[in-house]
Amino acid sequence: MFTALTSIVGETTTLGGALAQLPATVAAHGPWGDGTFWPFFLLFPLFWILVIFLFIFVGRRAWRRNHHWAATQGAEGVLRERYARGEIDETEFRQRLEVLRSQPPS
């Protein structure tokens, strides 16, 4: 089997000696090993903050786009739809369109 093992300190020891030294190393350095520490715990809140921000951004953008579309679909839009369905003829469409455009917007 393994007669010698290089431990964390760098000395050549037996397998039993390395296993005995392992809890002391974990106690000395903690779960971060050799002392290097990168704050992974910051990634999880950052991820959720970005997800929430993305939902708010997409929702506001969609609402704004829909609101703008609905505002442009006023009386002229209804008139165009009625003309397209054949409910009114071209002369009536043009007369009503002229009346709508001659009125000042409110």
C-alpha atoms as a PDB file:
ATOM      1  CA  MET A   1       0.000   0.000   0.000  1.00  0.00           C
ATOM      2  CA  PHE A   2       1.096   3.555   0.530  1.00  0.00           C
ATOM      3  CA  THR A   3       4.080   3.641   2.803  1.00  0.00           C
ATOM      4  CA  ALA A   4       4.671   7.355   2.569  1.00  0.00           C
ATOM      5  CA  LEU A   5       2.445  10.306   1.854  1.00  0.00           C
ATOM      6  CA  THR A   6       3.264  13.954   1.442  1.00  0.00           C
ATOM      7  CA  SER A   7       1.109  15.808   3.921  1.00  0.00           C
ATOM      8  CA  ILE A   8      -0.243  19.317   3.725  1.00  0.00           C
ATOM      9  CA  VAL A   9       2.858  20.698   5.459  1.00  0.00           C
ATOM     10  CA  GLY A  10       5.178  19.074   2.929  1.00  0.00           C
ATOM     11  CA  GLU A  11       6.905  16.504   5.115  1.00  0.00           C
ATOM     12  CA  THR A  12       7.024  12.849   4.234  1.00  0.00           C
ATOM     13  CA  THR A  13       4.953  10.920   6.744  1.00  0.00           C
ATOM     14  CA  THR A  14       3.084   7.672   6.959  1.00  0.00           C
ATOM     15  CA  LEU A  15      -0.571   7.411   6.024  1.00  0.00           C
ATOM     16  CA  GLY A  16      -1.604   7.293   9.674  1.00  0.00           C
ATOM     17  CA  GLY A  17       0.394  10.420  10.453  1.00  0.00           C
ATOM     18  CA  ALA A  18      -1.185  12.321   7.592  1.00  0.00           C
ATOM     19  CA  LEU A  19      -4.681  11.280   8.656  1.00  0.00           C
ATOM     20  CA  ALA A  20      -3.915  12.298  12.226  1.00  0.00           C
ATOM     21  CA  GLN A  21      -2.711  15.682  11.056  1.00  0.00           C
ATOM     22  CA  LEU A  22      -5.779  16.314   8.858  1.00  0.00           C
ATOM     23  CA  PRO A  23      -8.187  17.336  11.674  1.00  0.00           C
ATOM     24  CA  ALA A  24      -5.555  19.734  13.027  1.00  0.00           C
ATOM     25  CA  THR A  25      -5.184  21.323   9.595  1.00  0.00           C
ATOM     26  CA  VAL A  26      -8.947  21.693   9.231  1.00  0.00           C
ATOM     27  CA  ALA A  27      -9.141  23.191  12.709  1.00  0.00           C
ATOM     28  CA  ALA A  28      -6.296  25.590  11.962  1.00  0.00           C
ATOM     29  CA  HIS A  29      -7.475  26.797   8.560  1.00  0.00           C
ATOM     30  CA  GLY A  30     -11.188  26.102   8.725  1.00  0.00           C
ATOM     31  CA  PRO A  31     -13.153  24.816   5.775  1.00  0.00           C
ATOM     32  CA  TRP A  32     -11.289  27.142   3.390  1.00  0.00           C
ATOM     33  CA  GLY A  33      -8.213  24.957   3.284  1.00  0.00           C
ATOM     34  CA  ASP A  34      -4.984  26.912   3.012  1.00  0.00           C
ATOM     35  CA  GLY A  35      -6.514  30.259   3.904  1.00  0.00           C
ATOM     36  CA  THR A  36      -7.489  31.440   0.442  1.00  0.00           C
ATOM     37  CA  PHE A  37     -11.016  32.661   0.567  1.00  0.00           C
ATOM     38  CA  TRP A  38     -13.296  33.838  -2.185  1.00  0.00           C
ATOM     39  CA  PRO A  39     -16.717  35.008  -0.975  1.00  0.00           C
ATOM     40  CA  PHE A  40     -18.957  32.565  -2.837  1.00  0.00           C
ATOM     41  CA  PHE A  41     -21.757  33.396  -0.422  1.00  0.00           C
ATOM     42  CA  LEU A  42     -22.071  36.749  -2.216  1.00  0.00           C
ATOM     43  CA  LEU A  43     -22.933  35.050  -5.507  1.00  0.00           C
ATOM     44  CA  PHE A  44     -26.306  33.727  -4.342  1.00  0.00           C
ATOM     45  CA  PRO A  45     -27.816  37.074  -3.255  1.00  0.00           C
ATOM     46  CA  LEU A  46     -26.260  38.743  -6.295  1.00  0.00           C
ATOM     47  CA  PHE A  47     -27.869  36.140  -8.560  1.00  0.00           C
ATOM     48  CA  TRP A  48     -31.328  36.677  -7.040  1.00  0.00           C
ATOM     49  CA  ILE A  49     -30.958  40.454  -7.143  1.00  0.00           C
ATOM     50  CA  LEU A  50     -30.125  40.215 -10.845  1.00  0.00           C
ATOM     51  CA  VAL A  51     -33.079  37.875 -11.495  1.00  0.00           C
ATOM     52  CA  ILE A  52     -35.495  40.218  -9.705  1.00  0.00           C
ATOM     53  CA  PHE A  53     -34.059  43.225 -11.550  1.00  0.00           C
ATOM     54  CA  LEU A  54     -34.444  41.386 -14.857  1.00  0.00           C
ATOM     55  CA  PHE A  55     -38.110  40.582 -14.133  1.00  0.00           C
ATOM     56  CA  ILE A  56     -38.813  44.201 -13.188  1.00  0.00           C
ATOM     57  CA  PHE A  57     -37.010  45.488 -16.283  1.00  0.00           C
ATOM     58  CA  VAL A  58     -38.803  43.131 -18.679  1.00  0.00           C
ATOM     59  CA  GLY A  59     -42.177  43.733 -17.013  1.00  0.00           C
ATOM     60  CA  ARG A  60     -41.882  47.511 -17.161  1.00  0.00           C
ATOM     61  CA  ARG A  61     -40.697  47.404 -20.748  1.00  0.00           C
ATOM     62  CA  ALA A  62     -43.569  45.155 -21.814  1.00  0.00           C
ATOM     63  CA  TRP A  63     -46.104  47.315 -19.943  1.00  0.00           C
ATOM     64  CA  ARG A  64     -44.718  50.482 -21.511  1.00  0.00           C
ATOM     65  CA  ARG A  65     -44.781  48.976 -24.997  1.00  0.00           C
ATOM     66  CA  ASN A  66     -48.345  47.693 -24.503  1.00  0.00           C
ATOM     67  CA  HIS A  67     -49.449  51.034 -23.064  1.00  0.00           C
ATOM     68  CA  HIS A  68     -47.970  52.876 -26.042  1.00  0.00           C
ATOM     69  CA  TRP A  69     -49.664  50.485 -28.471  1.00  0.00           C
ATOM     70  CA  ALA A  70     -53.021  50.877 -26.711  1.00  0.00           C
ATOM     71  CA  ALA A  71     -52.708  54.660 -26.779  1.00  0.00           C
ATOM     72  CA  THR A  72     -52.159  54.639 -30.542  1.00  0.00           C
ATOM     73  CA  GLN A  73     -55.191  52.387 -31.016  1.00  0.00           C
ATOM     74  CA  GLY A  74     -57.677  55.134 -30.263  1.00  0.00           C
ATOM     75  CA  ALA A  75     -60.588  56.196 -32.395  1.00  0.00           C
ATOM     76  CA  GLU A  76     -58.614  55.957 -35.638  1.00  0.00           C
ATOM     77  CA  GLY A  77     -57.688  52.376 -34.842  1.00  0.00           C
ATOM     78  CA  VAL A  78     -61.320  51.462 -34.220  1.00  0.00           C
ATOM     79  CA  LEU A  79     -62.285  53.205 -37.452  1.00  0.00           C
ATOM     80  CA  ARG A  80     -59.613  51.274 -39.384  1.00  0.00           C
ATOM     81  CA  GLU A  81     -60.831  47.982 -37.900  1.00  0.00           C
ATOM     82  CA  ARG A  82     -64.449  48.735 -38.830  1.00  0.00           C
ATOM     83  CA  TYR A  83     -63.369  49.604 -42.384  1.00  0.00           C
ATOM     84  CA  ALA A  84     -61.299  46.420 -42.624  1.00  0.00           C
ATOM     85  CA  ARG A  85     -64.258  44.295 -41.451  1.00  0.00           C
ATOM     86  CA  GLY A  86     -66.467  45.925 -44.071  1.00  0.00           C
ATOM     87  CA  GLU A  87     -68.842  47.578 -41.604  1.00  0.00           C
ATOM     88  CA  ILE A  88     -68.332  50.978 -43.270  1.00  0.00           C
ATOM     89  CA  ASP A  89     -67.457  51.895 -46.846  1.00  0.00           C
ATOM     90  CA  GLU A  90     -64.542  54.031 -48.025  1.00  0.00           C
ATOM     91  CA  THR A  91     -66.446  57.327 -48.218  1.00  0.00           C
ATOM     92  CA  GLU A  92     -67.774  56.954 -44.685  1.00  0.00           C
ATOM     93  CA  PHE A  93     -64.279  55.948 -43.499  1.00  0.00           C
ATOM     94  CA  ARG A  94     -62.691  59.048 -45.065  1.00  0.00           C
ATOM     95  CA  GLN A  95     -65.419  61.345 -43.709  1.00  0.00           C
ATOM     96  CA  ARG A  96     -65.077  60.049 -40.171  1.00  0.00           C
ATOM     97  CA  LEU A  97     -61.288  60.067 -40.383  1.00  0.00           C
ATOM     98  CA  GLU A  98     -61.371  63.705 -41.482  1.00  0.00           C
ATOM     99  CA  VAL A  99     -63.648  64.583 -38.571  1.00  0.00           C
ATOM    100  CA  LEU A 100     -61.356  62.782 -36.098  1.00  0.00           C
ATOM    101  CA  ARG A 101     -58.232  64.487 -37.406  1.00  0.00           C
ATOM    102  CA  SER A 102     -59.818  67.931 -37.452  1.00  0.00           C
ATOM    103  CA  GLN A 103     -60.597  67.759 -33.722  1.00  0.00           C
ATOM    104  CA  PRO A 104     -57.791  68.900 -31.416  1.00  0.00           C
ATOM    105  CA  PRO A 105     -56.356  66.095 -29.260  1.00  0.00           C
ATOM    106  CA  SER A 106     -57.486  66.184 -25.655  1.00  0.00           C
END
